[in-house]
Amino acid sequence: MASSPQPEERAASRLWHITLSVAGQEAPLGEVRRALEQLAHDHPFLLTSRYANDHAEIRYWEEARDLHDAAAVALRLWGEHRSTARLPPWEIVGLEVIGRRTYQQRVAEGYGPPPASPVGVHPF
């Protein structure tokens, strides 16, 4: 008797370092800061945000099966939280998704994004 096929094992989730860049028309700095602080509250994996009155950079770790899934989640982040966090109506102008090993290698070699410290929301 032939054995029944085994269900495919789910691919293990991995950590991906996300850098999401957004930009648009100028907004008051206080409102941008408050919106990014609310986003950090709503999205607990947010490590750090840097902002100016016409652009921001958001960096965080995302757990996902593969790069495609991590990128898809990252690309939805700004739009899905736009109304609840009252984010500026900016558009995504950049996205970098790298694996944990690549992130660590870049930092060790001195040419990658420095570790997010201090954690939180800060002006550029």
N, C-alpha and C. Protein backbone atom coordinates (compact mmCIF):
# COMPACT_ATOMS: atom_id res chain seq x y z
N MET A 1 0.85 -1.17 0.00
CA MET A 1 0.00 0.00 0.00
C MET A 1 0.89 1.23 0.00
N ALA A 2 0.64 2.13 -0.93
CA ALA A 2 1.45 3.34 -1.03
C ALA A 2 1.04 4.32 0.07
N SER A 3 2.03 4.99 0.60
CA SER A 3 1.73 5.96 1.66
C SER A 3 1.16 7.23 1.03
N SER A 4 0.28 7.85 1.77
CA SER A 4 -0.31 9.09 1.26
C SER A 4 0.73 10.20 1.31
N PRO A 5 0.62 11.12 0.37
CA PRO A 5 1.60 12.21 0.35
C PRO A 5 1.54 13.04 1.63
N GLN A 6 2.69 13.43 2.10
CA GLN A 6 2.77 14.27 3.29
C GLN A 6 2.43 15.71 2.91
N PRO A 7 1.71 16.41 3.77
CA PRO A 7 1.47 17.82 3.47
C PRO A 7 2.80 18.57 3.44
N GLU A 8 2.86 19.54 2.55
CA GLU A 8 4.10 20.32 2.44
C GLU A 8 4.38 20.98 3.77
N GLU A 9 5.62 20.90 4.17
CA GLU A 9 6.00 21.60 5.40
C GLU A 9 6.02 23.09 5.11
N ARG A 10 5.54 23.84 6.06
CA ARG A 10 5.57 25.29 5.91
C ARG A 10 7.00 25.77 6.02
N ALA A 11 7.35 26.68 5.15
CA ALA A 11 8.67 27.26 5.22
C ALA A 11 8.80 28.03 6.53
N ALA A 12 9.94 27.91 7.15
CA ALA A 12 10.17 28.60 8.41
C ALA A 12 10.22 30.11 8.17
N SER A 13 9.64 30.85 9.09
CA SER A 13 9.70 32.31 9.00
C SER A 13 11.11 32.76 9.30
N ARG A 14 11.48 33.87 8.68
CA ARG A 14 12.78 34.48 8.92
C ARG A 14 12.57 35.95 9.22
N LEU A 15 13.61 36.57 9.77
CA LEU A 15 13.55 38.00 10.05
C LEU A 15 14.14 38.77 8.88
N TRP A 16 13.45 39.85 8.52
CA TRP A 16 13.86 40.72 7.42
C TRP A 16 13.95 42.14 7.96
N HIS A 17 15.03 42.84 7.63
CA HIS A 17 15.17 44.24 8.02
C HIS A 17 14.55 45.10 6.92
N ILE A 18 13.59 45.91 7.31
CA ILE A 18 12.84 46.74 6.38
C ILE A 18 13.23 48.21 6.57
N THR A 19 13.49 48.89 5.47
CA THR A 19 13.63 50.34 5.48
C THR A 19 12.62 50.87 4.47
N LEU A 20 11.64 51.59 4.96
CA LEU A 20 10.58 52.15 4.13
C LEU A 20 10.75 53.67 4.11
N SER A 21 10.87 54.23 2.91
CA SER A 21 11.01 55.68 2.75
C SER A 21 9.74 56.23 2.13
N VAL A 22 9.25 57.32 2.71
CA VAL A 22 8.04 57.97 2.21
C VAL A 22 8.32 59.46 2.05
N ALA A 23 7.60 60.10 1.14
CA ALA A 23 7.80 61.53 0.92
C ALA A 23 6.54 62.13 0.30
N GLY A 24 6.44 63.45 0.43
CA GLY A 24 5.31 64.16 -0.15
C GLY A 24 5.34 65.62 0.23
N GLN A 25 4.17 66.25 0.14
CA GLN A 25 4.06 67.66 0.47
C GLN A 25 4.37 67.90 1.94
N GLU A 26 4.89 69.08 2.22
CA GLU A 26 5.26 69.41 3.59
C GLU A 26 4.06 69.33 4.53
N ALA A 27 4.36 68.88 5.74
CA ALA A 27 3.37 68.80 6.81
C ALA A 27 4.04 69.35 8.07
N PRO A 28 3.27 69.87 9.02
CA PRO A 28 3.86 70.37 10.26
C PRO A 28 4.63 69.27 10.99
N LEU A 29 5.85 69.60 11.44
CA LEU A 29 6.71 68.61 12.09
C LEU A 29 6.03 67.94 13.28
N GLY A 30 5.31 68.69 14.07
CA GLY A 30 4.63 68.11 15.23
C GLY A 30 3.62 67.05 14.84
N GLU A 31 2.90 67.29 13.74
CA GLU A 31 1.92 66.32 13.26
C GLU A 31 2.61 65.07 12.71
N VAL A 32 3.73 65.27 12.01
CA VAL A 32 4.47 64.12 11.48
C VAL A 32 4.98 63.27 12.63
N ARG A 33 5.57 63.91 13.64
CA ARG A 33 6.08 63.17 14.79
C ARG A 33 4.97 62.40 15.50
N ARG A 34 3.85 63.07 15.76
CA ARG A 34 2.73 62.42 16.44
C ARG A 34 2.23 61.23 15.65
N ALA A 35 2.13 61.38 14.32
CA ALA A 35 1.65 60.29 13.47
C ALA A 35 2.62 59.10 13.50
N LEU A 36 3.91 59.38 13.45
CA LEU A 36 4.90 58.29 13.49
C LEU A 36 4.93 57.62 14.86
N GLU A 37 4.72 58.39 15.92
CA GLU A 37 4.63 57.78 17.25
C GLU A 37 3.41 56.87 17.35
N GLN A 38 2.30 57.29 16.75
CA GLN A 38 1.10 56.44 16.74
C GLN A 38 1.35 55.18 15.91
N LEU A 39 2.04 55.33 14.78
CA LEU A 39 2.37 54.17 13.96
C LEU A 39 3.23 53.18 14.75
N ALA A 40 4.20 53.71 15.50
CA ALA A 40 5.06 52.85 16.33
C ALA A 40 4.22 52.12 17.39
N HIS A 41 3.22 52.79 17.92
CA HIS A 41 2.34 52.16 18.91
C HIS A 41 1.49 51.07 18.25
N ASP A 42 0.99 51.36 17.05
CA ASP A 42 0.14 50.41 16.33
C ASP A 42 0.92 49.23 15.77
N HIS A 43 2.17 49.46 15.42
CA HIS A 43 3.03 48.43 14.81
C HIS A 43 4.22 48.20 15.74
N PRO A 44 4.07 47.31 16.72
CA PRO A 44 5.06 47.21 17.80
C PRO A 44 6.47 46.80 17.36
N PHE A 45 6.66 46.32 16.15
CA PHE A 45 8.00 45.92 15.73
C PHE A 45 8.79 47.08 15.16
N LEU A 46 8.18 48.28 15.10
CA LEU A 46 8.86 49.45 14.58
C LEU A 46 10.04 49.77 15.48
N LEU A 47 11.22 49.88 14.88
CA LEU A 47 12.41 50.19 15.66
C LEU A 47 12.67 51.68 15.75
N THR A 48 12.71 52.30 14.59
CA THR A 48 13.03 53.71 14.58
C THR A 48 12.42 54.39 13.37
N SER A 49 12.11 55.64 13.55
CA SER A 49 11.64 56.49 12.45
C SER A 49 12.44 57.77 12.50
N ARG A 50 12.81 58.24 11.33
CA ARG A 50 13.42 59.55 11.21
C ARG A 50 12.51 60.35 10.30
N TYR A 51 12.37 61.64 10.58
CA TYR A 51 11.40 62.40 9.81
C TYR A 51 11.85 63.84 9.61
N ALA A 52 11.30 64.43 8.59
CA ALA A 52 11.38 65.86 8.31
C ALA A 52 9.97 66.27 7.91
N ASN A 53 9.79 67.51 7.51
CA ASN A 53 8.42 67.94 7.21
C ASN A 53 7.93 67.45 5.86
N ASP A 54 8.81 66.84 5.04
CA ASP A 54 8.36 66.35 3.72
C ASP A 54 8.81 64.92 3.40
N HIS A 55 9.42 64.24 4.37
CA HIS A 55 9.82 62.84 4.14
C HIS A 55 10.10 62.15 5.47
N ALA A 56 10.09 60.83 5.42
CA ALA A 56 10.38 60.04 6.61
C ALA A 56 10.97 58.70 6.19
N GLU A 57 11.69 58.10 7.13
CA GLU A 57 12.27 56.77 6.92
C GLU A 57 11.88 55.94 8.14
N ILE A 58 11.34 54.78 7.87
CA ILE A 58 10.88 53.87 8.92
C ILE A 58 11.69 52.60 8.82
N ARG A 59 12.27 52.17 9.93
CA ARG A 59 13.07 50.95 9.95
C ARG A 59 12.55 50.01 11.02
N TYR A 60 12.42 48.74 10.63
CA TYR A 60 11.92 47.75 11.57
C TYR A 60 12.24 46.34 11.07
N TRP A 61 12.01 45.37 11.92
CA TRP A 61 12.17 43.96 11.57
C TRP A 61 10.79 43.38 11.30
N GLU A 62 10.71 42.58 10.27
CA GLU A 62 9.47 41.90 9.91
C GLU A 62 9.75 40.40 9.86
N GLU A 63 8.84 39.62 10.40
CA GLU A 63 8.96 38.17 10.30
C GLU A 63 8.10 37.71 9.14
N ALA A 64 8.71 36.99 8.21
CA ALA A 64 7.98 36.53 7.03
C ALA A 64 8.66 35.29 6.46
N ARG A 65 7.90 34.57 5.66
CA ARG A 65 8.40 33.34 5.04
C ARG A 65 9.54 33.63 4.07
N ASP A 66 9.36 34.69 3.26
CA ASP A 66 10.39 35.01 2.27
C ASP A 66 10.37 36.51 1.99
N LEU A 67 11.29 36.94 1.15
CA LEU A 67 11.41 38.36 0.83
C LEU A 67 10.13 38.91 0.22
N HIS A 68 9.49 38.15 -0.63
CA HIS A 68 8.25 38.61 -1.27
C HIS A 68 7.18 38.92 -0.24
N ASP A 69 7.02 38.05 0.75
CA ASP A 69 6.02 38.29 1.78
C ASP A 69 6.39 39.50 2.64
N ALA A 70 7.67 39.63 2.99
CA ALA A 70 8.13 40.77 3.80
C ALA A 70 7.91 42.08 3.05
N ALA A 71 8.23 42.10 1.76
CA ALA A 71 8.05 43.31 0.95
C ALA A 71 6.57 43.66 0.82
N ALA A 72 5.73 42.66 0.64
CA ALA A 72 4.29 42.91 0.50
C ALA A 72 3.73 43.55 1.76
N VAL A 73 4.13 43.05 2.91
CA VAL A 73 3.67 43.62 4.18
C VAL A 73 4.18 45.05 4.32
N ALA A 74 5.45 45.26 3.99
CA ALA A 74 6.03 46.59 4.10
C ALA A 74 5.33 47.60 3.19
N LEU A 75 5.01 47.17 1.99
CA LEU A 75 4.36 48.08 1.05
C LEU A 75 2.93 48.44 1.47
N ARG A 76 2.32 47.61 2.28
CA ARG A 76 0.97 47.91 2.79
C ARG A 76 0.98 48.74 4.07
N LEU A 77 2.09 48.75 4.77
CA LEU A 77 2.16 49.37 6.10
C LEU A 77 1.66 50.81 6.10
N TRP A 78 2.20 51.65 5.23
CA TRP A 78 1.86 53.07 5.24
C TRP A 78 0.37 53.28 4.93
N GLY A 79 -0.11 52.63 3.89
CA GLY A 79 -1.51 52.80 3.50
C GLY A 79 -2.49 52.27 4.52
N GLU A 80 -2.18 51.13 5.11
CA GLU A 80 -3.10 50.52 6.07
C GLU A 80 -3.19 51.32 7.37
N HIS A 81 -2.14 52.06 7.70
CA HIS A 81 -2.16 52.84 8.94
C HIS A 81 -2.38 54.32 8.69
N ARG A 82 -2.57 54.70 7.43
CA ARG A 82 -2.70 56.13 7.10
C ARG A 82 -3.82 56.80 7.89
N SER A 83 -5.00 56.20 7.93
CA SER A 83 -6.10 56.88 8.62
C SER A 83 -6.04 56.69 10.14
N THR A 84 -5.71 55.50 10.63
CA THR A 84 -5.71 55.28 12.08
C THR A 84 -4.61 56.06 12.78
N ALA A 85 -3.45 56.20 12.15
CA ALA A 85 -2.34 56.95 12.76
C ALA A 85 -2.32 58.40 12.28
N ARG A 86 -3.25 58.74 11.36
CA ARG A 86 -3.30 60.08 10.75
C ARG A 86 -1.94 60.46 10.16
N LEU A 87 -1.42 59.53 9.34
CA LEU A 87 -0.15 59.76 8.65
C LEU A 87 -0.34 60.75 7.52
N PRO A 88 0.71 61.50 7.18
CA PRO A 88 0.60 62.42 6.04
C PRO A 88 0.27 61.63 4.77
N PRO A 89 -0.35 62.28 3.79
CA PRO A 89 -0.71 61.58 2.54
C PRO A 89 0.49 61.43 1.59
N TRP A 90 1.57 60.94 2.12
CA TRP A 90 2.79 60.78 1.35
C TRP A 90 2.79 59.44 0.62
N GLU A 91 3.65 59.34 -0.37
CA GLU A 91 3.77 58.09 -1.10
C GLU A 91 5.08 57.38 -0.73
N ILE A 92 5.08 56.10 -0.93
CA ILE A 92 6.30 55.31 -0.71
C ILE A 92 7.25 55.60 -1.86
N VAL A 93 8.46 56.03 -1.52
CA VAL A 93 9.46 56.36 -2.54
C VAL A 93 10.67 55.44 -2.49
N GLY A 94 10.70 54.55 -1.51
CA GLY A 94 11.82 53.61 -1.42
C GLY A 94 11.50 52.48 -0.49
N LEU A 95 12.06 51.34 -0.81
CA LEU A 95 11.89 50.15 0.04
C LEU A 95 13.13 49.30 -0.08
N GLU A 96 13.69 48.95 1.07
CA GLU A 96 14.79 47.99 1.09
C GLU A 96 14.39 46.88 2.05
N VAL A 97 14.53 45.65 1.59
CA VAL A 97 14.25 44.47 2.40
C VAL A 97 15.49 43.59 2.33
N ILE A 98 16.13 43.38 3.47
CA ILE A 98 17.31 42.51 3.48
C ILE A 98 17.18 41.50 4.62
N GLY A 99 17.75 40.35 4.40
CA GLY A 99 17.74 39.31 5.41
C GLY A 99 18.62 39.67 6.60
N ARG A 100 18.38 39.00 7.69
CA ARG A 100 19.11 39.27 8.93
C ARG A 100 20.62 39.09 8.74
N ARG A 101 21.00 38.04 8.07
CA ARG A 101 22.43 37.78 7.86
C ARG A 101 23.08 38.91 7.03
N THR A 102 22.40 39.34 5.98
CA THR A 102 22.91 40.44 5.15
C THR A 102 23.02 41.72 5.97
N TYR A 103 22.00 42.00 6.77
CA TYR A 103 22.01 43.19 7.62
C TYR A 103 23.23 43.15 8.55
N GLN A 104 23.42 42.02 9.22
CA GLN A 104 24.54 41.90 10.16
C GLN A 104 25.88 42.01 9.45
N GLN A 105 25.98 41.43 8.27
CA GLN A 105 27.22 41.50 7.51
C GLN A 105 27.53 42.95 7.10
N ARG A 106 26.53 43.67 6.63
CA ARG A 106 26.72 45.07 6.26
C ARG A 106 27.19 45.91 7.44
N VAL A 107 26.54 45.73 8.58
CA VAL A 107 26.90 46.49 9.77
C VAL A 107 28.33 46.15 10.18
N ALA A 108 28.68 44.86 10.17
CA ALA A 108 30.03 44.43 10.55
C ALA A 108 31.09 45.01 9.62
N GLU A 109 30.76 45.15 8.35
CA GLU A 109 31.71 45.69 7.38
C GLU A 109 31.70 47.21 7.35
N GLY A 110 30.81 47.83 8.10
CA GLY A 110 30.80 49.28 8.23
C GLY A 110 30.12 50.04 7.11
N TYR A 111 29.38 49.36 6.24
CA TYR A 111 28.73 50.10 5.17
C TYR A 111 27.22 49.93 5.16
N GLY A 112 26.69 49.25 6.10
CA GLY A 112 25.25 49.07 6.16
C GLY A 112 24.62 50.08 7.07
N PRO A 113 23.29 49.99 7.21
CA PRO A 113 22.62 50.91 8.12
C PRO A 113 23.07 50.61 9.55
N PRO A 114 23.42 51.62 10.30
CA PRO A 114 23.83 51.35 11.68
C PRO A 114 22.65 50.81 12.48
N PRO A 115 22.93 50.08 13.53
CA PRO A 115 21.83 49.59 14.37
C PRO A 115 20.95 50.76 14.80
N ALA A 116 19.68 50.49 14.91
CA ALA A 116 18.71 51.54 15.23
C ALA A 116 18.85 51.95 16.68
N SER A 117 19.62 52.97 16.89
CA SER A 117 19.72 53.51 18.24
C SER A 117 19.88 55.00 18.12
N PRO A 118 19.23 55.77 18.88
CA PRO A 118 18.25 55.29 19.83
C PRO A 118 16.95 54.87 19.12
N VAL A 119 16.31 53.91 19.71
CA VAL A 119 15.03 53.43 19.18
C VAL A 119 13.99 54.52 19.39
N GLY A 120 13.10 54.68 18.45
CA GLY A 120 12.04 55.66 18.61
C GLY A 120 11.86 56.53 17.38
N VAL A 121 11.23 57.67 17.58
CA VAL A 121 10.91 58.60 16.50
C VAL A 121 11.78 59.83 16.69
N HIS A 122 12.58 60.17 15.66
CA HIS A 122 13.54 61.25 15.77
C HIS A 122 13.58 62.09 14.49
N PRO A 123 13.86 63.38 14.62
CA PRO A 123 14.04 64.19 13.41
C PRO A 123 15.33 63.81 12.70
N PHE A 124 15.39 64.07 11.39
CA PHE A 124 16.62 63.83 10.62
C PHE A 124 17.69 64.75 11.14
